[in-house]
Protein backbone atom coordinates (compact mmCIF):
# COMPACT_ATOMS: atom_id res chain seq x y z
CA MET A 1 111.17 89.67 106.58
CA CYS A 2 112.50 90.54 103.12
CA LYS A 3 115.94 91.76 104.24
CA ILE A 4 118.78 91.82 101.73
CA ARG A 5 121.24 88.98 102.32
CA PRO A 6 125.00 89.59 102.72
CA ASP A 7 125.51 88.58 99.07
CA GLY A 8 123.10 91.31 97.95
CA THR A 9 120.21 88.98 97.10
CA PHE A 10 116.80 88.78 98.79
CA ASP A 11 113.80 86.49 98.91
CA GLU A 12 111.51 87.80 96.16
CA GLU A 13 108.74 85.37 97.11
CA ARG A 14 108.48 87.07 100.50
CA CYS A 15 108.99 90.60 99.22
CA HIS A 16 106.20 91.04 96.64
CA SER A 17 107.41 94.63 96.06
CA VAL A 18 110.61 94.49 94.01
CA ILE A 19 112.00 97.67 92.44
CA ASP A 20 114.68 97.87 89.76
CA LEU A 21 115.98 101.44 90.02
CA SER A 22 117.68 101.26 86.62
CA GLU A 23 114.21 101.25 85.02
CA PHE A 24 114.15 105.00 85.64
CA GLY A 25 116.66 105.32 82.81
CA ILE A 26 119.80 107.43 82.91
CA THR A 27 118.85 109.56 85.90
CA GLY A 28 121.71 107.95 87.83
CA LEU A 29 119.71 105.45 89.88
CA SER A 30 120.84 101.84 90.06
CA GLY A 31 120.26 98.77 92.17
CA ARG A 32 117.49 96.30 92.79
CA GLY A 33 115.74 95.60 96.05
CA CYS A 34 112.58 95.23 98.08
CA ILE A 35 110.87 98.53 98.89
CA ALA A 36 109.62 97.11 102.20
CA ASP A 37 113.25 96.93 103.33
CA GLU A 38 113.94 100.25 105.04
CA GLU A 39 117.69 99.59 105.22
CA TRP A 40 117.88 99.28 101.42
CA LEU A 41 115.73 102.37 100.92
CA ARG A 42 118.10 104.45 103.05
CA THR A 43 120.97 103.60 100.68
CA ILE A 44 119.22 105.17 97.66
CA VAL A 45 120.75 108.50 96.65
CA VAL A 46 119.02 110.44 93.89
CA PRO A 47 121.60 112.47 91.90
CA CYS A 48 120.99 116.07 90.90
CA HIS A 49 120.91 116.94 87.18
CA VAL A 50 119.52 120.48 87.26
CA SER A 51 120.77 122.77 84.49
CA GLU A 52 123.20 125.48 85.61
CA ASP A 53 121.97 127.96 82.98
CA SER A 54 118.22 127.29 82.78
CA SER A 55 116.15 127.60 85.92
CA ASN A 56 113.22 125.58 84.58
CA CYS A 57 115.25 122.63 83.26
CA ILE A 58 115.17 120.36 86.30
CA LEU A 59 116.51 117.24 84.57
CA CYS A 60 119.15 118.02 81.97
CA LEU A 61 120.97 115.07 80.43
CA PRO A 62 122.21 114.52 76.85
CA ASN A 63 119.15 112.57 75.72
CA ARG A 64 116.62 113.32 78.48
CA ARG A 65 115.31 116.69 79.67
CA VAL A 66 112.41 117.74 81.88
CA HIS A 67 111.25 121.38 81.90
CA ASP A 68 109.12 122.66 84.77
CA MET A 69 106.24 124.59 83.16
CA MET A 70 103.36 125.63 85.45
CA ILE A 71 101.34 124.70 88.54
CA ILE A 72 98.18 122.77 87.66
CA ASP A 73 96.98 122.07 91.19
CA GLN A 74 98.23 121.97 94.75
CA GLY A 75 97.36 120.29 98.01
CA LYS A 76 98.47 120.68 101.60
CA TYR A 77 101.82 118.98 101.04
CA GLY A 78 102.77 119.48 97.41
CA TYR A 79 102.34 120.83 93.90
CA ILE A 80 101.09 119.13 90.74
CA LYS A 81 102.82 120.80 87.81
CA GLY A 82 102.64 120.52 84.07
CA ALA A 83 106.04 119.71 82.55
CA ARG A 84 107.62 119.06 79.17
CA ARG A 85 109.65 115.85 78.86
CA GLU A 86 112.08 115.28 75.99
CA VAL A 87 113.58 111.81 75.45
CA ASP A 88 115.70 111.12 72.35
CA GLY A 89 114.00 113.97 70.50
CA ARG A 90 110.43 112.98 71.42
CA VAL A 91 108.49 115.61 73.40
CA ASP A 92 105.55 114.73 75.71
CA GLY A 93 103.50 116.60 78.27
CA VAL A 94 103.81 114.98 81.71
CA VAL A 95 102.96 115.72 85.33
CA LEU A 96 105.64 116.72 87.83
CA LYS A 97 104.81 116.09 91.49
CA GLN A 98 106.88 118.22 93.86
CA PRO A 99 106.69 118.65 97.66
CA LYS A 100 106.13 122.13 99.03
CA GLU A 101 108.68 121.81 101.82
CA PRO A 102 112.24 122.41 100.54
CA GLY A 103 114.38 119.32 101.01
CA ALA A 104 111.40 116.98 101.37
CA SER A 105 111.47 113.73 99.41
CA LEU A 106 108.80 111.96 97.37
CA LEU A 107 111.08 108.98 96.71
CA ASN A 108 108.92 106.56 98.71
CA GLU A 109 105.73 107.76 97.04
CA ALA A 110 107.28 107.37 93.59
CA LEU A 111 108.40 103.82 94.38
CA ILE A 112 104.99 102.88 95.77
CA GLN A 113 103.24 104.31 92.71
CA LYS A 114 105.54 102.34 90.41
CA VAL A 115 104.90 99.10 92.29
CA VAL A 116 101.13 99.77 92.29
CA TYR A 117 101.15 100.53 88.56
CA GLU A 118 102.96 97.28 87.78
CA SER A 119 100.72 95.28 90.12
CA LEU A 120 97.56 96.63 88.48
CA LEU A 121 98.99 95.77 85.05
CA ARG A 122 99.45 92.18 86.23
CA GLY A 123 95.83 92.21 87.35
CA GLY A 124 94.59 93.38 83.94
CA PHE A 125 93.91 96.99 85.02
CA HIS A 126 95.81 98.75 82.25
CA ARG A 127 94.81 102.27 83.29
CA GLY A 128 94.92 101.54 87.03
CA ALA A 129 97.63 104.09 87.88
CA ALA A 130 99.96 106.47 86.06
CA PRO A 131 103.43 105.09 85.21
CA VAL A 132 106.34 106.90 86.89
CA TYR A 133 109.04 108.14 84.48
CA ASP A 134 111.79 110.06 86.31
CA ILE A 135 112.87 110.58 89.91
CA ILE A 136 114.60 113.95 90.22
CA ARG A 137 116.58 115.74 92.96
CA LEU A 138 116.70 119.53 92.90
CA ARG A 139 119.57 121.67 94.16
CA ASP A 140 118.01 122.10 97.61
CA GLY A 141 117.71 118.34 98.06
CA THR A 142 113.99 118.16 97.25
CA VAL A 143 113.09 114.89 95.51
CA CYS A 144 110.19 114.96 93.03
CA PHE A 145 109.06 112.72 90.18
CA THR A 146 107.36 112.78 86.78
CA MET A 147 104.52 110.57 85.59
CA GLU A 148 102.05 110.20 82.75
CA ARG A 149 99.53 113.00 82.53
CA MET A 150 95.97 111.67 82.73
CA TYR A 151 93.19 113.61 81.03
CA GLY A 152 90.04 111.91 82.36
CA LYS A 153 87.61 113.42 84.87
CA THR A 154 87.67 112.73 88.58
CA LEU A 155 84.80 110.81 90.13
CA GLN A 156 84.20 113.91 92.27
CA GLU A 157 83.54 116.00 89.15
CA LEU A 158 81.15 113.44 87.68
CA ILE A 159 79.01 112.79 90.76
CA GLU A 160 78.39 116.52 91.09
CA THR A 161 76.66 116.53 87.69
CA ARG A 162 74.79 113.18 87.75
CA ILE A 163 71.31 112.47 89.10
CA GLY A 164 68.79 109.63 88.85
CA PHE A 165 69.69 106.44 87.01
CA LYS A 166 72.86 108.05 85.56
CA LEU A 167 74.20 108.55 89.08
CA VAL A 168 73.17 105.03 90.15
CA ASN A 169 74.87 103.48 87.12
CA LEU A 170 78.01 105.51 87.81
CA ILE A 171 78.10 104.41 91.46
CA MET A 172 77.44 100.74 90.68
CA GLU A 173 80.14 100.55 88.03
CA CYS A 174 82.63 102.36 90.28
CA LEU A 175 81.91 99.98 93.17
CA ILE A 176 82.47 96.96 90.91
CA GLN A 177 85.73 98.22 89.42
CA VAL A 178 87.17 99.77 92.60
CA SER A 179 86.43 96.70 94.73
CA SER A 180 88.14 94.40 92.23
CA MET A 181 91.19 96.69 92.02
CA LEU A 182 91.51 96.98 95.80
CA TRP A 183 91.13 93.23 96.28
CA HIS A 184 93.92 92.63 93.77
CA LEU A 185 96.25 95.19 95.37
CA GLU A 186 95.74 93.86 98.89
CA ASN A 187 96.46 90.30 97.82
CA ASP A 188 99.25 91.00 95.33
CA ILE A 189 101.44 93.55 97.12
CA GLY A 190 99.65 94.31 100.41
CA MET A 191 98.80 97.88 99.47
CA ASN A 192 96.43 100.36 101.12
CA HIS A 193 95.86 103.73 99.46
CA ARG A 194 94.67 105.36 102.72
CA ASP A 195 93.25 108.45 100.96
CA LEU A 196 90.76 106.91 98.55
CA LYS A 197 88.16 109.60 97.97
CA PRO A 198 86.31 110.57 94.76
CA SER A 199 88.80 113.33 93.93
CA ASN A 200 91.61 110.73 93.89
CA ILE A 201 89.92 108.53 91.29
CA ILE A 202 90.07 109.40 87.59
CA LEU A 203 87.59 107.91 85.13
CA HIS A 204 88.56 107.53 81.46
CA ALA A 205 85.43 107.30 79.31
CA HIS A 206 85.31 104.78 76.47
CA GLU A 207 82.69 103.27 74.18
CA PRO A 208 80.37 100.88 76.08
CA ARG A 209 81.78 97.36 76.18
CA ASP A 210 81.48 94.26 78.30
CA LYS A 211 84.00 93.77 81.10
CA THR A 212 84.40 91.02 83.65
CA ALA A 213 85.69 91.84 87.12
CA VAL A 214 86.73 89.11 89.57
CA VAL A 215 87.11 89.16 93.35
CA ASP A 216 88.08 86.01 95.26
CA GLY A 217 86.91 83.82 92.40
CA MET A 218 83.56 85.63 92.02
CA PRO A 219 83.03 87.13 88.51
CA ILE A 220 80.71 89.97 87.53
CA THR A 221 80.24 90.77 83.83
CA PHE A 222 78.92 94.28 83.28
CA LEU A 223 78.58 96.93 80.61
CA SER A 224 81.51 99.27 81.19
CA HIS A 225 81.65 102.93 80.22
CA PHE A 226 85.04 103.89 81.68
CA ASP A 227 88.41 102.73 83.01
CA VAL A 228 89.40 103.59 86.58
CA SER A 229 92.72 105.09 87.71
CA PHE A 230 93.91 105.70 91.27
CA ILE A 231 95.99 108.84 91.88
CA ASP A 232 97.85 110.49 94.78
CA PHE A 233 99.73 107.83 96.74
CA GLY A 234 101.11 110.29 99.31
CA PHE A 235 99.42 108.48 102.23
CA SER A 236 99.80 104.96 100.84
CA CYS A 237 101.53 101.99 102.41
CA VAL A 238 102.79 98.68 101.06
CA GLY A 239 103.05 95.69 103.37
CA ILE A 240 105.51 92.83 103.41
CA GLU A 241 105.07 89.05 103.36
CA GLY A 242 102.25 89.47 100.87
CA GLY A 243 101.00 92.42 102.85
CA ARG A 244 99.60 90.65 105.89
CA GLY A 245 100.86 92.15 109.15
CA GLY A 246 104.42 93.10 110.00
CA GLY A 247 106.27 96.28 109.05
CA ASN A 248 105.66 98.22 105.88
CA LEU A 249 106.77 101.09 103.67
CA ARG A 250 104.74 104.27 104.05
CA ALA A 251 104.91 107.04 101.49
CA GLY A 252 104.16 110.02 103.70
CA ALA A 253 106.34 109.59 106.75
CA GLY A 254 105.13 111.63 109.70
CA ARG A 255 101.63 112.28 108.35
CA GLY A 256 99.63 110.88 111.23
CA TYR A 257 100.87 107.30 111.05
CA VAL A 258 101.23 105.03 114.05
CA PRO A 259 103.32 101.83 114.08
CA GLU A 260 100.37 99.74 115.26
CA ASP A 261 98.27 100.63 112.20
CA PRO A 262 98.79 97.61 109.91
CA CYS A 263 99.18 97.63 106.16
CA PRO A 264 97.09 96.42 104.56
CA LYS A 265 94.18 96.70 106.98
CA ASP A 266 91.44 94.43 105.69
CA GLY A 267 88.63 96.50 104.15
CA ARG A 268 90.14 99.90 105.06
CA ASP A 269 90.22 101.39 101.55
CA MET A 270 86.83 100.03 100.55
CA TYR A 271 85.21 101.45 103.68
CA MET A 272 86.90 104.82 103.23
CA PHE A 273 85.92 105.04 99.58
CA MET A 274 82.28 104.22 100.28
CA ALA A 275 82.08 106.66 103.21
CA PHE A 276 83.30 109.55 101.04
CA LEU A 277 81.10 108.43 98.16
CA TYR A 278 78.05 108.29 100.42
CA TYR A 279 78.73 111.75 101.86
CA TYR A 280 78.82 113.36 98.41
CA THR A 281 75.80 111.50 97.00
CA TYR A 282 73.33 110.55 99.78
CA ARG A 283 70.94 113.40 99.01
CA LYS A 284 70.47 111.98 95.48
CA LEU A 285 70.41 108.23 96.19
CA PRO A 286 67.32 106.08 95.65
CA VAL A 287 65.97 104.41 98.79
CA ASP A 288 67.18 100.88 97.99
CA LEU A 289 70.78 102.00 97.34
CA GLU A 290 70.76 104.23 100.43
CA ARG A 291 69.75 101.18 102.49
CA MET A 292 72.69 99.24 101.06
CA PHE A 293 75.07 101.99 102.18
CA ASP A 294 73.48 101.80 105.65
CA GLN A 295 74.32 98.09 105.76
CA TRP A 296 77.82 98.60 104.42
CA LEU A 297 78.94 101.58 106.51
CA ASN A 298 77.17 101.26 109.87
CA VAL A 299 78.98 99.23 112.53
CA GLU A 300 78.08 98.68 116.16
CA ALA A 301 80.36 101.42 117.43
CA CYS A 302 79.53 103.96 114.73
CA LYS A 303 76.39 104.72 112.74
CA MET A 304 78.47 106.33 110.03
CA THR A 305 75.62 107.23 107.67
CA ASP A 306 73.80 109.13 110.42
CA TYR A 307 77.00 111.00 111.22
CA LEU A 308 77.67 111.89 107.58
CA ARG A 309 74.17 113.37 107.28
CA VAL A 310 74.71 115.89 110.10
CA PRO A 311 73.88 119.35 108.67
CA ALA A 312 76.73 121.79 108.14
CA ASP A 313 75.01 124.17 110.59
CA TYR A 314 75.82 121.74 113.41
CA LEU A 315 79.22 120.41 112.36
CA ASP A 316 81.98 121.75 110.12
CA PRO A 317 82.06 119.50 107.01
CA GLN A 318 85.86 119.33 107.15
CA GLU A 319 85.71 118.06 110.72
CA LEU A 320 83.07 115.56 109.66
CA LEU A 321 85.20 114.20 106.82
CA ALA A 322 88.27 114.08 109.09
CA TRP A 323 86.36 111.52 111.15
CA ILE A 324 86.59 109.08 108.22
CA TYR A 325 90.39 109.26 108.37
CA ARG A 326 90.42 108.87 112.16
CA LEU A 327 88.18 105.83 112.06
CA THR A 328 89.97 104.03 109.22
CA GLY A 329 93.41 104.82 110.70
CA ASN A 330 92.51 103.87 114.29
CA PRO A 331 94.96 101.13 115.37
CA LEU A 332 92.23 99.62 117.58
CA VAL A 333 90.19 98.86 114.44
CA GLN A 334 92.15 96.05 112.82
CA ARG A 335 89.69 95.14 110.04
CA PHE A 336 86.45 96.25 108.40
CA LYS A 337 83.70 93.84 107.43
CA THR A 338 83.12 96.07 104.43
CA ASN A 339 85.99 94.50 102.49
CA PRO A 340 86.05 94.06 98.70
CA GLU A 341 84.83 90.45 98.99
CA ARG A 342 81.72 91.51 100.94
CA ILE A 343 80.88 94.39 98.61
CA PHE A 344 81.47 92.31 95.51
CA SER A 345 79.25 89.52 96.83
CA ASP A 346 76.44 92.01 97.52
CA LEU A 347 76.86 93.59 94.09
CA LEU A 348 76.75 90.15 92.48
CA GLN A 349 73.38 89.52 94.12
CA MET A 350 72.08 92.97 93.16
CA THR A 351 73.09 92.62 89.52
CA GLY A 352 72.40 88.89 89.26
């Protein structure tokens, strides 16, 4: 376990998820520790710097200000807002993520996103996640955070407009890049996203260029048309001891988690991503690729592709998609054969 020692130090080799709170600048946070250590996390107090005379200035310091501007999007648990951030005279547009429930805290999510961002940088994925800038407490105790605003399109938006070889190329490149990113995160910090669906993946288009992705020593060189970013870490978890087994930090406490559900669970994110991807594209897939999804997704206890093809007249689509979460979060299912190594190996043969 990566507990802090009496002298305030800890075993970084066993932690894999070190946070330096002072990196959030002059927002009043300080200290350095392992985010898988719940005792250390409970000691973190986010100070309040809301302006007394300006309702939309939620971080007001001499050389750093954040102004709450407008709601861009919202989900079941929180808001995504546009905000203006001023640091030493420089003004940038950023995203502010704020929980809907007054007094709720996104501290854990912000810390997980920061650790994931830094891990993906180490792995060479320079657009892998948005950097976190500020952690902010409002007057009612609500803890929110700011991050870089990303302007790409979600995978969900793109698959709705693609057909034929353009859709196949999009799917193949996504599978290559996503599998390599997930493999790196599992092995570097023991991370599972736990909500990896097409709407939580942003693609940043660029001029075609060669890229090489590597999983477990296997390289694939391909012609890349975009960079991949993961967003929304509200359900994510980060394991300890390199991520294999044991306790872990979960971002969304109380959102359907059970202690027996390990983090990371081998192949969980890859299986979830492909199940959602199949559901939104199976009507447009060529036969050979549809057969590959049958091999990847169908297990003895569940013919997932048959289930995902059930017409809406017979089963509410929301109930159908909820089954993906129930299956991947089931504590009785400890691993999925559809892990990044398996997918990458199959893709290597298909593209070889």
